[in-house]
Protein backbone atom coordinates (compact mmCIF):
# COMPACT_ATOMS: atom_id res chain seq x y z
CA UNK A 1 -38.53 47.84 139.81
CA UNK A 2 -35.63 45.94 140.88
CA UNK A 3 -34.94 42.20 139.67
CA UNK A 4 -36.15 40.85 143.01
CA UNK A 5 -39.72 42.46 142.71
CA UNK A 6 -39.93 41.45 139.04
CA UNK A 7 -39.01 37.90 139.74
CA UNK A 8 -41.70 37.96 142.60
CA UNK A 9 -44.31 39.47 140.03
CA UNK A 10 -43.59 36.62 137.52
CA UNK A 11 -43.76 33.89 140.16
CA UNK A 12 -47.04 35.17 141.42
CA UNK A 13 -48.37 35.61 138.09
CA UNK A 14 -47.55 31.92 137.02
CA UNK A 15 -49.03 30.76 140.33
CA UNK A 16 -52.19 32.65 139.71
CA UNK A 17 -52.50 31.16 136.18
CA UNK A 18 -51.76 27.71 137.44
CA UNK A 19 -54.59 27.96 139.99
CA UNK A 20 -57.00 29.13 137.48
CA UNK A 21 -56.13 26.19 134.99
CA UNK A 22 -56.35 23.59 137.70
CA UNK A 23 -59.93 24.73 138.84
CA UNK A 24 -61.39 24.40 135.35
CA UNK A 25 -63.31 21.40 135.42
CA UNK A 26 -65.56 20.12 132.71
CA UNK A 27 -69.17 21.11 133.43
CA UNK A 28 -71.49 18.24 134.40
CA UNK A 29 -74.42 18.36 131.87
CA UNK A 30 -77.92 17.66 132.87
CA UNK A 31 -79.33 14.00 132.70
CA UNK A 32 -82.49 12.89 130.84
CA UNK A 33 -84.47 10.81 133.39
CA UNK A 34 -87.79 10.28 131.39
CA UNK A 35 -91.01 11.47 130.06
CA UNK A 36 -94.27 12.05 132.29
CA UNK A 37 -97.72 13.33 132.00
CA UNK A 38 -98.50 12.11 128.43
CA UNK A 39 -102.02 13.40 127.46
CA UNK A 40 -103.74 13.07 124.16
CA UNK A 41 -104.47 16.35 122.86
CA UNK A 42 -106.00 15.59 119.46
CA UNK A 43 -106.64 12.29 117.58
CA UNK A 44 -108.26 11.34 114.30
CA UNK A 45 -107.78 8.52 111.80
CA UNK A 46 -104.62 9.69 110.39
CA UNK A 47 -102.60 11.18 113.44
CA UNK A 48 -102.45 11.76 117.10
CA UNK A 49 -100.99 14.74 118.77
CA UNK A 50 -99.89 14.33 122.41
CA UNK A 51 -98.29 16.55 125.01
CA UNK A 52 -96.01 15.49 127.68
CA UNK A 53 -93.10 16.63 130.10
CA UNK A 54 -89.48 15.68 129.57
CA UNK A 55 -87.71 15.48 132.84
CA UNK A 56 -84.17 16.61 133.01
CA UNK A 57 -82.10 16.51 136.09
CA UNK A 58 -79.24 19.10 136.66
CA UNK A 59 -76.68 18.65 139.35
CA UNK A 60 -74.72 21.99 138.41
CA UNK A 61 -75.59 25.34 139.88
CA UNK A 62 -75.26 26.73 136.35
CA UNK A 63 -78.12 27.04 134.02
CA UNK A 64 -78.05 25.18 130.52
CA UNK A 65 -79.76 26.22 127.43
CA UNK A 66 -81.63 23.45 125.34
CA UNK A 67 -80.20 23.94 121.78
CA UNK A 68 -81.92 21.30 119.81
CA UNK A 69 -84.18 18.41 120.24
CA UNK A 70 -84.01 15.41 117.73
CA UNK A 71 -86.08 12.51 118.90
CA UNK A 72 -88.00 10.18 116.63
CA UNK A 73 -90.87 7.84 117.58
CA UNK A 74 -90.44 4.20 116.59
CA UNK A 75 -92.64 1.19 116.61
CA UNK A 76 -91.08 -2.12 115.64
CA UNK A 77 -87.94 -0.30 114.18
CA UNK A 78 -89.93 1.89 111.82
CA UNK A 79 -90.37 5.76 112.38
CA UNK A 80 -93.97 6.76 113.13
CA UNK A 81 -93.64 10.16 114.40
CA UNK A 82 -91.37 12.80 116.21
CA UNK A 83 -91.08 14.72 119.38
CA UNK A 84 -90.65 18.49 119.38
CA UNK A 85 -90.00 20.85 122.15
CA UNK A 86 -92.56 23.72 122.57
CA UNK A 87 -90.13 26.36 123.66
CA UNK A 88 -86.45 26.74 124.10
CA UNK A 89 -86.24 26.85 127.90
CA UNK A 90 -83.48 26.97 130.44
CA UNK A 91 -82.37 24.05 132.71
CA UNK A 92 -81.66 25.06 136.25
CA UNK A 93 -80.35 23.39 139.20
CA UNK A 94 -82.41 20.33 140.27
CA UNK A 95 -85.26 18.63 138.46
CA UNK A 96 -86.64 20.53 135.34
CA UNK A 97 -89.79 19.80 133.30
CA UNK A 98 -89.63 20.74 129.63
CA UNK A 99 -93.06 20.62 127.73
CA UNK A 100 -92.99 18.54 124.56
CA UNK A 101 -95.30 17.76 121.76
CA UNK A 102 -95.41 14.09 120.25
CA UNK A 103 -96.86 13.68 116.73
CA UNK A 104 -97.56 10.16 115.69
CA UNK A 105 -98.79 9.09 112.28
CA UNK A 106 -101.45 6.37 113.03
CA UNK A 107 -101.37 5.32 109.43
CA UNK A 108 -97.93 3.96 110.03
CA UNK A 109 -99.07 2.36 113.21
CA UNK A 110 -101.91 0.80 111.58
CA UNK A 111 -99.59 -0.89 108.95
CA UNK A 112 -97.62 -2.45 111.83
CA UNK A 113 -100.53 -3.56 114.02
CA UNK A 114 -103.90 -4.51 112.82
CA UNK A 115 -106.20 -1.64 113.34
CA UNK A 116 -108.64 -4.08 115.29
CA UNK A 117 -106.07 -4.72 117.91
CA UNK A 118 -105.59 -1.04 118.35
CA UNK A 119 -109.21 -0.52 118.62
CA UNK A 120 -109.52 -3.20 121.20
CA UNK A 121 -106.59 -2.36 123.31
CA UNK A 122 -106.78 1.43 122.89
CA UNK A 123 -102.94 1.85 123.77
CA UNK A 124 -99.97 2.10 121.82
CA UNK A 125 -96.30 1.14 122.88
CA UNK A 126 -93.64 3.13 121.08
CA UNK A 127 -89.93 3.74 121.63
CA UNK A 128 -88.35 7.24 121.78
CA UNK A 129 -84.77 7.41 120.40
CA UNK A 130 -82.56 10.42 119.54
CA UNK A 131 -80.83 13.18 121.22
CA UNK A 132 -81.30 16.43 123.27
CA UNK A 133 -78.44 18.89 122.73
CA UNK A 134 -77.81 21.30 125.70
CA UNK A 135 -75.14 24.05 125.91
CA UNK A 136 -73.65 26.77 127.96
CA UNK A 137 -71.59 29.52 126.03
CA UNK A 138 -69.44 27.55 123.66
CA UNK A 139 -69.65 24.18 125.47
CA UNK A 140 -72.31 21.79 124.01
CA UNK A 141 -73.28 18.39 125.03
CA UNK A 142 -75.68 15.69 123.55
CA UNK A 143 -77.91 13.83 125.82
CA UNK A 144 -78.98 10.40 124.44
CA UNK A 145 -82.73 9.40 124.69
CA UNK A 146 -83.72 5.76 124.36
CA UNK A 147 -86.99 4.93 126.17
CA UNK A 148 -90.20 2.77 125.53
CA UNK A 149 -93.49 4.38 126.46
CA UNK A 150 -96.96 3.14 126.45
CA UNK A 151 -99.93 5.63 126.30
CA UNK A 152 -103.80 5.22 126.01
CA UNK A 153 -105.48 6.40 122.79
CA UNK A 154 -108.56 8.11 124.69
CA UNK A 155 -108.88 11.78 124.67
């Protein structure tokens, strides 16, 4: 190879590497949009177990993996339960529903509200606060969750 072709190969290589680095954008993670379809599965004097669907919206064509869910259920700034994901699912392009289970300690709720008012209204208003951790390969992103929900205590 002569000097001219070697220089040409080096220039083309730098141009190719520059194009690759300039096209690498940070991926846009999915967005938490809310929780729907809350249904009381089991209720007794001590606890309530509810199921629901967390709605996540993804605007990217790549799929995301749910790595971890750390969401606590609060009432009057006291922890009364937690939210768990039923399976580690993938988030595809568009709107996705992820099934979750909410476990609520009704003894803690009873300390905060009078038991009589709970029996009369048959509904509880709680707030969900925490994070959903999603990732793709080595890139991880934390989605904050801060929402107030109300549900009926009837099965």
